[in-house]
Amino acid sequence: WHKADPSHRLHGFYHPGTALRNARQDFALTPREENIIH
């Protein structure tokens, strides 16, 4: 997120959603794990 890229704007606000989407793609998550990430 340190690299200049318009998609990284407001990283602090948006990265939990991105992290959750990526984690869902790669792993079977429990609702508790999803809540932690999001």
PDB file of all heavy atoms in Angstrom:
ATOM      1  N   TRP A   1       0.809  -1.217   0.000  1.00  0.00           N
ATOM      2  CA  TRP A   1       0.000   0.000   0.000  1.00  0.00           C
ATOM      3  C   TRP A   1       0.843   1.269   0.000  1.00  0.00           C
ATOM      4  O   TRP A   1       0.313   2.357  -0.195  1.00  0.00           O
ATOM      5  CB  TRP A   1      -0.993  -0.004   1.161  1.00  0.00           C
ATOM      6  CG  TRP A   1      -0.399   0.004   2.541  1.00  0.00           C
ATOM      7  CD1 TRP A   1      -0.029  -1.069   3.284  1.00  0.00           C
ATOM      8  CD2 TRP A   1      -0.141   1.158   3.344  1.00  0.00           C
ATOM      9  NE1 TRP A   1       0.451  -0.668   4.504  1.00  0.00           N
ATOM     10  CE2 TRP A   1       0.391   0.691   4.568  1.00  0.00           C
ATOM     11  CE3 TRP A   1      -0.298   2.521   3.165  1.00  0.00           C
ATOM     12  CZ2 TRP A   1       0.764   1.550   5.600  1.00  0.00           C
ATOM     13  CZ3 TRP A   1       0.069   3.378   4.192  1.00  0.00           C
ATOM     14  CH2 TRP A   1       0.592   2.890   5.387  1.00  0.00           C
ATOM     15  N   HIS A   2       2.148   1.143   0.137  1.00  0.00           N
ATOM     16  CA  HIS A   2       3.020   2.323   0.085  1.00  0.00           C
ATOM     17  C   HIS A   2       3.290   2.764  -1.350  1.00  0.00           C
ATOM     18  O   HIS A   2       3.724   3.886  -1.577  1.00  0.00           O
ATOM     19  CB  HIS A   2       4.343   2.021   0.786  1.00  0.00           C
ATOM     20  CG  HIS A   2       4.165   1.688   2.227  1.00  0.00           C
ATOM     21  ND1 HIS A   2       3.988   0.384   2.659  1.00  0.00           N
ATOM     22  CD2 HIS A   2       4.105   2.465   3.327  1.00  0.00           C
ATOM     23  CE1 HIS A   2       3.851   0.387   3.965  1.00  0.00           C
ATOM     24  NE2 HIS A   2       3.916   1.637   4.393  1.00  0.00           N
ATOM     25  N   LYS A   3       3.069   1.875  -2.310  1.00  0.00           N
ATOM     26  CA  LYS A   3       3.300   2.216  -3.716  1.00  0.00           C
ATOM     27  C   LYS A   3       2.196   3.140  -4.209  1.00  0.00           C
ATOM     28  O   LYS A   3       1.021   2.937  -3.903  1.00  0.00           O
ATOM     29  CB  LYS A   3       3.352   0.949  -4.574  1.00  0.00           C
ATOM     30  CG  LYS A   3       4.580   0.116  -4.296  1.00  0.00           C
ATOM     31  CD  LYS A   3       4.674  -1.072  -5.201  1.00  0.00           C
ATOM     32  CE  LYS A   3       5.953  -1.842  -4.864  1.00  0.00           C
ATOM     33  NZ  LYS A   3       6.034  -3.084  -5.608  1.00  0.00           N
ATOM     34  N   ALA A   4       2.607   4.133  -4.994  1.00  0.00           N
ATOM     35  CA  ALA A   4       1.643   5.085  -5.540  1.00  0.00           C
ATOM     36  C   ALA A   4       0.706   4.361  -6.496  1.00  0.00           C
ATOM     37  O   ALA A   4       1.123   3.857  -7.535  1.00  0.00           O
ATOM     38  CB  ALA A   4       2.368   6.223  -6.248  1.00  0.00           C
ATOM     39  N   ASP A   5      -0.540   4.275  -6.110  1.00  0.00           N
ATOM     40  CA  ASP A   5      -1.549   3.595  -6.915  1.00  0.00           C
ATOM     41  C   ASP A   5      -2.903   4.114  -6.438  1.00  0.00           C
ATOM     42  O   ASP A   5      -3.184   4.075  -5.235  1.00  0.00           O
ATOM     43  CB  ASP A   5      -1.440   2.083  -6.690  1.00  0.00           C
ATOM     44  CG  ASP A   5      -2.399   1.276  -7.551  1.00  0.00           C
ATOM     45  OD1 ASP A   5      -3.547   1.716  -7.740  1.00  0.00           O
ATOM     46  OD2 ASP A   5      -2.006   0.196  -8.002  1.00  0.00           O
ATOM     47  N   PRO A   6      -3.730   4.599  -7.341  1.00  0.00           N
ATOM     48  CA  PRO A   6      -5.030   5.127  -6.917  1.00  0.00           C
ATOM     49  C   PRO A   6      -5.880   4.134  -6.123  1.00  0.00           C
ATOM     50  O   PRO A   6      -6.661   4.529  -5.272  1.00  0.00           O
ATOM     51  CB  PRO A   6      -5.731   5.486  -8.232  1.00  0.00           C
ATOM     52  CG  PRO A   6      -4.643   5.612  -9.242  1.00  0.00           C
ATOM     53  CD  PRO A   6      -3.523   4.720  -8.783  1.00  0.00           C
ATOM     54  N   SER A   7      -5.701   2.840  -6.375  1.00  0.00           N
ATOM     55  CA  SER A   7      -6.496   1.845  -5.647  1.00  0.00           C
ATOM     56  C   SER A   7      -6.068   1.717  -4.183  1.00  0.00           C
ATOM     57  O   SER A   7      -6.768   1.107  -3.383  1.00  0.00           O
ATOM     58  CB  SER A   7      -6.413   0.482  -6.334  1.00  0.00           C
ATOM     59  OG  SER A   7      -5.123  -0.072  -6.194  1.00  0.00           O
ATOM     60  N   HIS A   8      -4.931   2.297  -3.818  1.00  0.00           N
ATOM     61  CA  HIS A   8      -4.445   2.222  -2.446  1.00  0.00           C
ATOM     62  C   HIS A   8      -4.878   3.425  -1.613  1.00  0.00           C
ATOM     63  O   HIS A   8      -4.552   3.501  -0.433  1.00  0.00           O
ATOM     64  CB  HIS A   8      -2.917   2.125  -2.418  1.00  0.00           C
ATOM     65  CG  HIS A   8      -2.391   0.935  -3.137  1.00  0.00           C
ATOM     66  ND1 HIS A   8      -1.062   0.772  -3.396  1.00  0.00           N
ATOM     67  CD2 HIS A   8      -2.997  -0.161  -3.666  1.00  0.00           C
ATOM     68  CE1 HIS A   8      -0.866  -0.356  -4.044  1.00  0.00           C
ATOM     69  NE2 HIS A   8      -2.033  -0.938  -4.219  1.00  0.00           N
ATOM     70  N   ARG A   9      -5.592   4.344  -2.239  1.00  0.00           N
ATOM     71  CA  ARG A   9      -6.093   5.502  -1.492  1.00  0.00           C
ATOM     72  C   ARG A   9      -7.024   5.023  -0.390  1.00  0.00           C
ATOM     73  O   ARG A   9      -7.781   4.088  -0.567  1.00  0.00           O
ATOM     74  CB  ARG A   9      -6.845   6.455  -2.414  1.00  0.00           C
ATOM     75  CG  ARG A   9      -5.926   7.221  -3.359  1.00  0.00           C
ATOM     76  CD  ARG A   9      -6.728   8.123  -4.247  1.00  0.00           C
ATOM     77  NE  ARG A   9      -7.850   8.713  -3.533  1.00  0.00           N
ATOM     78  CZ  ARG A   9      -8.056  10.001  -3.380  1.00  0.00           C
ATOM     79  NH1 ARG A   9      -7.245  10.838  -3.919  1.00  0.00           N
ATOM     80  NH2 ARG A   9      -9.103  10.438  -2.709  1.00  0.00           N
ATOM     81  N   LEU A  10      -6.920   5.658   0.728  1.00  0.00           N
ATOM     82  CA  LEU A  10      -7.750   5.327   1.887  1.00  0.00           C
ATOM     83  C   LEU A  10      -7.594   3.856   2.299  1.00  0.00           C
ATOM     84  O   LEU A  10      -8.548   3.200   2.725  1.00  0.00           O
ATOM     85  CB  LEU A  10      -9.223   5.677   1.619  1.00  0.00           C
ATOM     86  CG  LEU A  10      -9.481   7.153   1.270  1.00  0.00           C
ATOM     87  CD1 LEU A  10     -10.934   7.354   0.885  1.00  0.00           C
ATOM     88  CD2 LEU A  10      -9.087   8.059   2.426  1.00  0.00           C
ATOM     89  N   HIS A  11      -6.370   3.382   2.197  1.00  0.00           N
ATOM     90  CA  HIS A  11      -6.043   1.999   2.526  1.00  0.00           C
ATOM     91  C   HIS A  11      -6.589   1.589   3.902  1.00  0.00           C
ATOM     92  O   HIS A  11      -7.157   0.504   4.050  1.00  0.00           O
ATOM     93  CB  HIS A  11      -4.519   1.811   2.476  1.00  0.00           C
ATOM     94  CG  HIS A  11      -4.050   0.541   3.089  1.00  0.00           C
ATOM     95  ND1 HIS A  11      -4.117  -0.672   2.438  1.00  0.00           N
ATOM     96  CD2 HIS A  11      -3.517   0.283   4.311  1.00  0.00           C
ATOM     97  CE1 HIS A  11      -3.642  -1.616   3.222  1.00  0.00           C
ATOM     98  NE2 HIS A  11      -3.275  -1.074   4.358  1.00  0.00           N
ATOM     99  N   GLY A  12      -6.433   2.443   4.892  1.00  0.00           N
ATOM    100  CA  GLY A  12      -6.872   2.112   6.247  1.00  0.00           C
ATOM    101  C   GLY A  12      -8.351   1.777   6.334  1.00  0.00           C
ATOM    102  O   GLY A  12      -8.762   0.942   7.138  1.00  0.00           O
ATOM    103  N   PHE A  13      -9.139   2.417   5.489  1.00  0.00           N
ATOM    104  CA  PHE A  13     -10.584   2.188   5.509  1.00  0.00           C
ATOM    105  C   PHE A  13     -10.997   0.956   4.704  1.00  0.00           C
ATOM    106  O   PHE A  13     -11.953   0.281   5.057  1.00  0.00           O
ATOM    107  CB  PHE A  13     -11.329   3.400   4.940  1.00  0.00           C
ATOM    108  CG  PHE A  13     -11.194   4.627   5.791  1.00  0.00           C
ATOM    109  CD1 PHE A  13     -10.235   5.583   5.490  1.00  0.00           C
ATOM    110  CD2 PHE A  13     -12.018   4.820   6.886  1.00  0.00           C
ATOM    111  CE1 PHE A  13     -10.107   6.716   6.272  1.00  0.00           C
ATOM    112  CE2 PHE A  13     -11.893   5.953   7.672  1.00  0.00           C
ATOM    113  CZ  PHE A  13     -10.932   6.909   7.371  1.00  0.00           C
ATOM    114  N   TYR A  14     -10.293   0.698   3.604  1.00  0.00           N
ATOM    115  CA  TYR A  14     -10.748  -0.321   2.663  1.00  0.00           C
ATOM    116  C   TYR A  14     -10.038  -1.664   2.745  1.00  0.00           C
ATOM    117  O   TYR A  14     -10.554  -2.662   2.255  1.00  0.00           O
ATOM    118  CB  TYR A  14     -10.662   0.218   1.228  1.00  0.00           C
ATOM    119  CG  TYR A  14     -11.610   1.361   1.003  1.00  0.00           C
ATOM    120  CD1 TYR A  14     -11.137   2.627   0.681  1.00  0.00           C
ATOM    121  CD2 TYR A  14     -12.983   1.182   1.126  1.00  0.00           C
ATOM    122  CE1 TYR A  14     -12.010   3.684   0.490  1.00  0.00           C
ATOM    123  CE2 TYR A  14     -13.860   2.235   0.939  1.00  0.00           C
ATOM    124  CZ  TYR A  14     -13.373   3.482   0.618  1.00  0.00           C
ATOM    125  OH  TYR A  14     -14.247   4.520   0.446  1.00  0.00           O
ATOM    126  N   HIS A  15      -8.849  -1.716   3.352  1.00  0.00           N
ATOM    127  CA  HIS A  15      -8.117  -2.981   3.306  1.00  0.00           C
ATOM    128  C   HIS A  15      -8.782  -4.138   4.060  1.00  0.00           C
ATOM    129  O   HIS A  15      -8.599  -5.288   3.659  1.00  0.00           O
ATOM    130  CB  HIS A  15      -6.645  -2.797   3.723  1.00  0.00           C
ATOM    131  CG  HIS A  15      -6.412  -2.777   5.187  1.00  0.00           C
ATOM    132  ND1 HIS A  15      -6.416  -1.612   5.922  1.00  0.00           N
ATOM    133  CD2 HIS A  15      -6.143  -3.778   6.059  1.00  0.00           C
ATOM    134  CE1 HIS A  15      -6.158  -1.906   7.184  1.00  0.00           C
ATOM    135  NE2 HIS A  15      -5.996  -3.205   7.295  1.00  0.00           N
ATOM    136  N   PRO A  16      -9.590  -3.905   5.106  1.00  0.00           N
ATOM    137  CA  PRO A  16     -10.246  -5.068   5.713  1.00  0.00           C
ATOM    138  C   PRO A  16     -11.167  -5.812   4.732  1.00  0.00           C
ATOM    139  O   PRO A  16     -11.191  -7.047   4.728  1.00  0.00           O
ATOM    140  CB  PRO A  16     -11.043  -4.471   6.880  1.00  0.00           C
ATOM    141  CG  PRO A  16     -10.305  -3.219   7.230  1.00  0.00           C
ATOM    142  CD  PRO A  16      -9.831  -2.686   5.907  1.00  0.00           C
ATOM    143  N   GLY A  17     -11.878  -5.079   3.903  1.00  0.00           N
ATOM    144  CA  GLY A  17     -12.737  -5.716   2.902  1.00  0.00           C
ATOM    145  C   GLY A  17     -11.933  -6.469   1.860  1.00  0.00           C
ATOM    146  O   GLY A  17     -12.301  -7.577   1.450  1.00  0.00           O
ATOM    147  N   THR A  18     -10.827  -5.877   1.435  1.00  0.00           N
ATOM    148  CA  THR A  18      -9.949  -6.537   0.470  1.00  0.00           C
ATOM    149  C   THR A  18      -9.343  -7.798   1.077  1.00  0.00           C
ATOM    150  O   THR A  18      -9.293  -8.846   0.430  1.00  0.00           O
ATOM    151  CB  THR A  18      -8.834  -5.573   0.009  1.00  0.00           C
ATOM    152  OG1 THR A  18      -9.431  -4.393  -0.526  1.00  0.00           O
ATOM    153  CG2 THR A  18      -7.925  -6.217  -1.022  1.00  0.00           C
ATOM    154  N   ALA A  19      -8.894  -7.690   2.323  1.00  0.00           N
ATOM    155  CA  ALA A  19      -8.318  -8.855   3.006  1.00  0.00           C
ATOM    156  C   ALA A  19      -9.344  -9.976   3.124  1.00  0.00           C
ATOM    157  O   ALA A  19      -9.024 -11.150   2.897  1.00  0.00           O
ATOM    158  CB  ALA A  19      -7.805  -8.451   4.387  1.00  0.00           C
ATOM    159  N   LEU A  20     -10.576  -9.620   3.447  1.00  0.00           N
ATOM    160  CA  LEU A  20     -11.626 -10.628   3.579  1.00  0.00           C
ATOM    161  C   LEU A  20     -11.927 -11.290   2.232  1.00  0.00           C
ATOM    162  O   LEU A  20     -12.047 -12.522   2.149  1.00  0.00           O
ATOM    163  CB  LEU A  20     -12.896 -10.013   4.174  1.00  0.00           C
ATOM    164  CG  LEU A  20     -14.063 -10.971   4.399  1.00  0.00           C
ATOM    165  CD1 LEU A  20     -13.665 -12.142   5.291  1.00  0.00           C
ATOM    166  CD2 LEU A  20     -15.245 -10.205   4.992  1.00  0.00           C
ATOM    167  N   ARG A  21     -12.010 -10.496   1.169  1.00  0.00           N
ATOM    168  CA  ARG A  21     -12.256 -11.073  -0.165  1.00  0.00           C
ATOM    169  C   ARG A  21     -11.145 -12.045  -0.556  1.00  0.00           C
ATOM    170  O   ARG A  21     -11.407 -13.155  -1.034  1.00  0.00           O
ATOM    171  CB  ARG A  21     -12.376  -9.967  -1.223  1.00  0.00           C
ATOM    172  CG  ARG A  21     -13.751  -9.355  -1.326  1.00  0.00           C
ATOM    173  CD  ARG A  21     -13.892  -8.458  -2.528  1.00  0.00           C
ATOM    174  NE  ARG A  21     -12.923  -7.370  -2.591  1.00  0.00           N
ATOM    175  CZ  ARG A  21     -13.019  -6.229  -1.893  1.00  0.00           C
ATOM    176  NH1 ARG A  21     -14.047  -6.028  -1.094  1.00  0.00           N
ATOM    177  NH2 ARG A  21     -12.101  -5.299  -2.010  1.00  0.00           N
ATOM    178  N   ASN A  22      -9.894 -11.634  -0.361  1.00  0.00           N
ATOM    179  CA  ASN A  22      -8.760 -12.508  -0.692  1.00  0.00           C
ATOM    180  C   ASN A  22      -8.769 -13.785   0.147  1.00  0.00           C
ATOM    181  O   ASN A  22      -8.519 -14.880  -0.368  1.00  0.00           O
ATOM    182  CB  ASN A  22      -7.436 -11.771  -0.486  1.00  0.00           C
ATOM    183  CG  ASN A  22      -7.197 -10.704  -1.517  1.00  0.00           C
ATOM    184  OD1 ASN A  22      -7.786 -10.715  -2.592  1.00  0.00           O
ATOM    185  ND2 ASN A  22      -6.335  -9.750  -1.189  1.00  0.00           N
ATOM    186  N   ALA A  23      -9.046 -13.642   1.444  1.00  0.00           N
ATOM    187  CA  ALA A  23      -9.055 -14.804   2.335  1.00  0.00           C
ATOM    188  C   ALA A  23     -10.172 -15.770   1.944  1.00  0.00           C
ATOM    189  O   ALA A  23      -9.980 -16.990   1.960  1.00  0.00           O
ATOM    190  CB  ALA A  23      -9.202 -14.361   3.787  1.00  0.00           C
ATOM    191  N   ARG A  24     -11.326 -15.237   1.567  1.00  0.00           N
ATOM    192  CA  ARG A  24     -12.439 -16.097   1.132  1.00  0.00           C
ATOM    193  C   ARG A  24     -12.083 -16.854  -0.143  1.00  0.00           C
ATOM    194  O   ARG A  24     -12.527 -17.985  -0.338  1.00  0.00           O
ATOM    195  CB  ARG A  24     -13.695 -15.263   0.886  1.00  0.00           C
ATOM    196  CG  ARG A  24     -14.440 -14.885   2.136  1.00  0.00           C
ATOM    197  CD  ARG A  24     -15.621 -14.014   1.784  1.00  0.00           C
ATOM    198  NE  ARG A  24     -16.456 -13.720   2.937  1.00  0.00           N
ATOM    199  CZ  ARG A  24     -17.253 -12.676   3.007  1.00  0.00           C
ATOM    200  NH1 ARG A  24     -17.351 -11.813   1.997  1.00  0.00           N
ATOM    201  NH2 ARG A  24     -17.982 -12.472   4.085  1.00  0.00           N
ATOM    202  N   GLN A  25     -11.305 -16.224  -1.024  1.00  0.00           N
ATOM    203  CA  GLN A  25     -10.893 -16.899  -2.260  1.00  0.00           C
ATOM    204  C   GLN A  25      -9.979 -18.090  -1.976  1.00  0.00           C
ATOM    205  O   GLN A  25     -10.031 -19.100  -2.669  1.00  0.00           O
ATOM    206  CB  GLN A  25     -10.151 -15.924  -3.187  1.00  0.00           C
ATOM    207  CG  GLN A  25     -11.024 -14.919  -3.866  1.00  0.00           C
ATOM    208  CD  GLN A  25     -10.195 -13.913  -4.665  1.00  0.00           C
ATOM    209  OE1 GLN A  25      -8.974 -13.979  -4.727  1.00  0.00           O
ATOM    210  NE2 GLN A  25     -10.883 -12.965  -5.288  1.00  0.00           N
ATOM    211  N   ASP A  26      -9.119 -17.938  -0.966  1.00  0.00           N
ATOM    212  CA  ASP A  26      -8.086 -18.944  -0.715  1.00  0.00           C
ATOM    213  C   ASP A  26      -8.429 -19.971   0.362  1.00  0.00           C
ATOM    214  O   ASP A  26      -7.834 -21.050   0.385  1.00  0.00           O
ATOM    215  CB  ASP A  26      -6.775 -18.256  -0.321  1.00  0.00           C
ATOM    216  CG  ASP A  26      -6.143 -17.493  -1.470  1.00  0.00           C
ATOM    217  OD1 ASP A  26      -6.679 -17.540  -2.598  1.00  0.00           O
ATOM    218  OD2 ASP A  26      -5.109 -16.841  -1.244  1.00  0.00           O
ATOM    219  N   PHE A  27      -9.347 -19.636   1.265  1.00  0.00           N
ATOM    220  CA  PHE A  27      -9.597 -20.491   2.426  1.00  0.00           C
ATOM    221  C   PHE A  27     -11.090 -20.593   2.728  1.00  0.00           C
ATOM    222  O   PHE A  27     -11.850 -19.679   2.431  1.00  0.00           O
ATOM    223  CB  PHE A  27      -8.892 -19.928   3.675  1.00  0.00           C
ATOM    224  CG  PHE A  27      -7.447 -19.611   3.469  1.00  0.00           C
ATOM    225  CD1 PHE A  27      -7.031 -18.300   3.304  1.00  0.00           C
ATOM    226  CD2 PHE A  27      -6.493 -20.620   3.420  1.00  0.00           C
ATOM    227  CE1 PHE A  27      -5.696 -17.996   3.104  1.00  0.00           C
ATOM    228  CE2 PHE A  27      -5.158 -20.326   3.222  1.00  0.00           C
ATOM    229  CZ  PHE A  27      -4.755 -19.007   3.059  1.00  0.00           C
ATOM    230  N   ALA A  28     -11.453 -21.680   3.382  1.00  0.00           N
ATOM    231  CA  ALA A  28     -12.805 -21.806   3.937  1.00  0.00           C
ATOM    232  C   ALA A  28     -12.758 -21.151   5.313  1.00  0.00           C
ATOM    233  O   ALA A  28     -12.026 -21.611   6.198  1.00  0.00           O
ATOM    234  CB  ALA A  28     -13.187 -23.274   4.061  1.00  0.00           C
ATOM    235  N   LEU A  29     -13.479 -20.060   5.473  1.00  0.00           N
ATOM    236  CA  LEU A  29     -13.452 -19.295   6.720  1.00  0.00           C
ATOM    237  C   LEU A  29     -14.709 -19.535   7.539  1.00  0.00           C
ATOM    238  O   LEU A  29     -15.797 -19.707   6.990  1.00  0.00           O
ATOM    239  CB  LEU A  29     -13.357 -17.794   6.417  1.00  0.00           C
ATOM    240  CG  LEU A  29     -12.159 -17.316   5.612  1.00  0.00           C
ATOM    241  CD1 LEU A  29     -12.308 -15.833   5.285  1.00  0.00           C
ATOM    242  CD2 LEU A  29     -10.852 -17.566   6.355  1.00  0.00           C
ATOM    243  N   THR A  30     -14.547 -19.482   8.843  1.00  0.00           N
ATOM    244  CA  THR A  30     -15.709 -19.530   9.732  1.00  0.00           C
ATOM    245  C   THR A  30     -16.245 -18.100   9.878  1.00  0.00           C
ATOM    246  O   THR A  30     -15.513 -17.128   9.615  1.00  0.00           O
ATOM    247  CB  THR A  30     -15.321 -20.060  11.127  1.00  0.00           C
ATOM    248  OG1 THR A  30     -14.457 -19.114  11.760  1.00  0.00           O
ATOM    249  CG2 THR A  30     -14.648 -21.434  11.035  1.00  0.00           C
ATOM    250  N   PRO A  31     -17.484 -17.949  10.308  1.00  0.00           N
ATOM    251  CA  PRO A  31     -18.008 -16.597  10.553  1.00  0.00           C
ATOM    252  C   PRO A  31     -17.161 -15.814  11.563  1.00  0.00           C
ATOM    253  O   PRO A  31     -16.965 -14.605  11.419  1.00  0.00           O
ATOM    254  CB  PRO A  31     -19.426 -16.849  11.093  1.00  0.00           C
ATOM    255  CG  PRO A  31     -19.817 -18.165  10.508  1.00  0.00           C
ATOM    256  CD  PRO A  31     -18.537 -18.969  10.466  1.00  0.00           C
ATOM    257  N   ARG A  32     -16.619 -16.499  12.541  1.00  0.00           N
ATOM    258  CA  ARG A  32     -15.767 -15.853  13.559  1.00  0.00           C
ATOM    259  C   ARG A  32     -14.484 -15.309  12.902  1.00  0.00           C
ATOM    260  O   ARG A  32     -14.066 -14.186  13.181  1.00  0.00           O
ATOM    261  CB  ARG A  32     -15.442 -16.869  14.642  1.00  0.00           C
ATOM    262  CG  ARG A  32     -14.965 -16.300  15.940  1.00  0.00           C
ATOM    263  CD  ARG A  32     -14.885 -17.392  17.006  1.00  0.00           C
ATOM    264  NE  ARG A  32     -16.183 -17.951  17.295  1.00  0.00           N
ATOM    265  CZ  ARG A  32     -16.985 -17.547  18.277  1.00  0.00           C
ATOM    266  NH1 ARG A  32     -16.596 -16.593  19.086  1.00  0.00           N
ATOM    267  NH2 ARG A  32     -18.158 -18.115  18.465  1.00  0.00           N
ATOM    268  N   GLU A  33     -13.875 -16.099  12.034  1.00  0.00           N
ATOM    269  CA  GLU A  33     -12.663 -15.652  11.326  1.00  0.00           C
ATOM    270  C   GLU A  33     -12.981 -14.475  10.418  1.00  0.00           C
ATOM    271  O   GLU A  33     -12.208 -13.508  10.350  1.00  0.00           O
ATOM    272  CB  GLU A  33     -12.067 -16.812  10.522  1.00  0.00           C
ATOM    273  CG  GLU A  33     -11.504 -17.916  11.397  1.00  0.00           C
ATOM    274  CD  GLU A  33     -11.275 -19.235  10.682  1.00  0.00           C
ATOM    275  OE1 GLU A  33     -11.697 -19.390   9.512  1.00  0.00           O
ATOM    276  OE2 GLU A  33     -10.668 -20.124  11.306  1.00  0.00           O
ATOM    277  N   GLU A  34     -14.117 -14.524   9.740  1.00  0.00           N
ATOM    278  CA  GLU A  34     -14.525 -13.412   8.879  1.00  0.00           C
ATOM    279  C   GLU A  34     -14.710 -12.136   9.686  1.00  0.00           C
ATOM    280  O   GLU A  34     -14.319 -11.052   9.250  1.00  0.00           O
ATOM    281  CB  GLU A  34     -15.809 -13.766   8.129  1.00  0.00           C
ATOM    282  CG  GLU A  34     -15.592 -14.814   7.060  1.00  0.00           C
ATOM    283  CD  GLU A  34     -16.827 -15.059   6.207  1.00  0.00           C
ATOM    284  OE1 GLU A  34     -17.887 -14.442   6.460  1.00  0.00           O
ATOM    285  OE2 GLU A  34     -16.722 -15.879   5.266  1.00  0.00           O
ATOM    286  N   ASN A  35     -15.302 -12.254  10.864  1.00  0.00           N
ATOM    287  CA  ASN A  35     -15.515 -11.084  11.707  1.00  0.00           C
ATOM    288  C   ASN A  35     -14.188 -10.477  12.153  1.00  0.00           C
ATOM    289  O   ASN A  35     -14.030  -9.256  12.176  1.00  0.00           O
ATOM    290  CB  ASN A  35     -16.384 -11.457  12.916  1.00  0.00           C
ATOM    291  CG  ASN A  35     -16.802 -10.246  13.717  1.00  0.00           C
ATOM    292  OD1 ASN A  35     -16.193  -9.931  14.729  1.00  0.00           O
ATOM    293  ND2 ASN A  35     -17.830  -9.557  13.234  1.00  0.00           N
ATOM    294  N   ILE A  36     -13.232 -11.320  12.486  1.00  0.00           N
ATOM    295  CA  ILE A  36     -11.903 -10.839  12.885  1.00  0.00           C
ATOM    296  C   ILE A  36     -11.285 -10.023  11.752  1.00  0.00           C
ATOM    297  O   ILE A  36     -10.804  -8.905  11.969  1.00  0.00           O
ATOM    298  CB  ILE A  36     -10.980 -12.017  13.261  1.00  0.00           C
ATOM    299  CG1 ILE A  36     -11.456 -12.694  14.541  1.00  0.00           C
ATOM    300  CG2 ILE A  36      -9.532 -11.541  13.405  1.00  0.00           C
ATOM    301  CD1 ILE A  36     -10.792 -14.043  14.818  1.00  0.00           C
ATOM    302  N   ILE A  37     -11.278 -10.580  10.566  1.00  0.00           N
ATOM    303  CA  ILE A  37     -10.645  -9.930   9.411  1.00  0.00           C
ATOM    304  C   ILE A  37     -11.378  -8.645   9.046  1.00  0.00           C
ATOM    305  O   ILE A  37     -10.749  -7.591   8.867  1.00  0.00           O
ATOM    306  CB  ILE A  37     -10.615 -10.895   8.196  1.00  0.00           C
ATOM    307  CG1 ILE A  37      -9.764 -12.130   8.510  1.00  0.00           C
ATOM    308  CG2 ILE A  37     -10.097 -10.174   6.951  1.00  0.00           C
ATOM    309  CD1 ILE A  37      -9.964 -13.285   7.538  1.00  0.00           C
ATOM    310  N   HIS A  38     -12.677  -8.688   8.966  1.00  0.00           N
ATOM    311  CA  HIS A  38     -13.449  -7.555   8.464  1.00  0.00           C
ATOM    312  C   HIS A  38     -13.531  -6.379   9.435  1.00  0.00           C
ATOM    313  O   HIS A  38     -13.668  -5.228   9.014  1.00  0.00           O
ATOM    314  CB  HIS A  38     -14.856  -8.015   8.074  1.00  0.00           C
ATOM    315  CG  HIS A  38     -15.551  -7.064   7.174  1.00  0.00           C
ATOM    316  ND1 HIS A  38     -16.767  -6.541   7.460  1.00  0.00           N
ATOM    317  CD2 HIS A  38     -15.170  -6.531   5.979  1.00  0.00           C
ATOM    318  CE1 HIS A  38     -17.127  -5.716   6.482  1.00  0.00           C
ATOM    319  NE2 HIS A  38     -16.174  -5.701   5.578  1.00  0.00           N
TER     320      HIS A  38
END
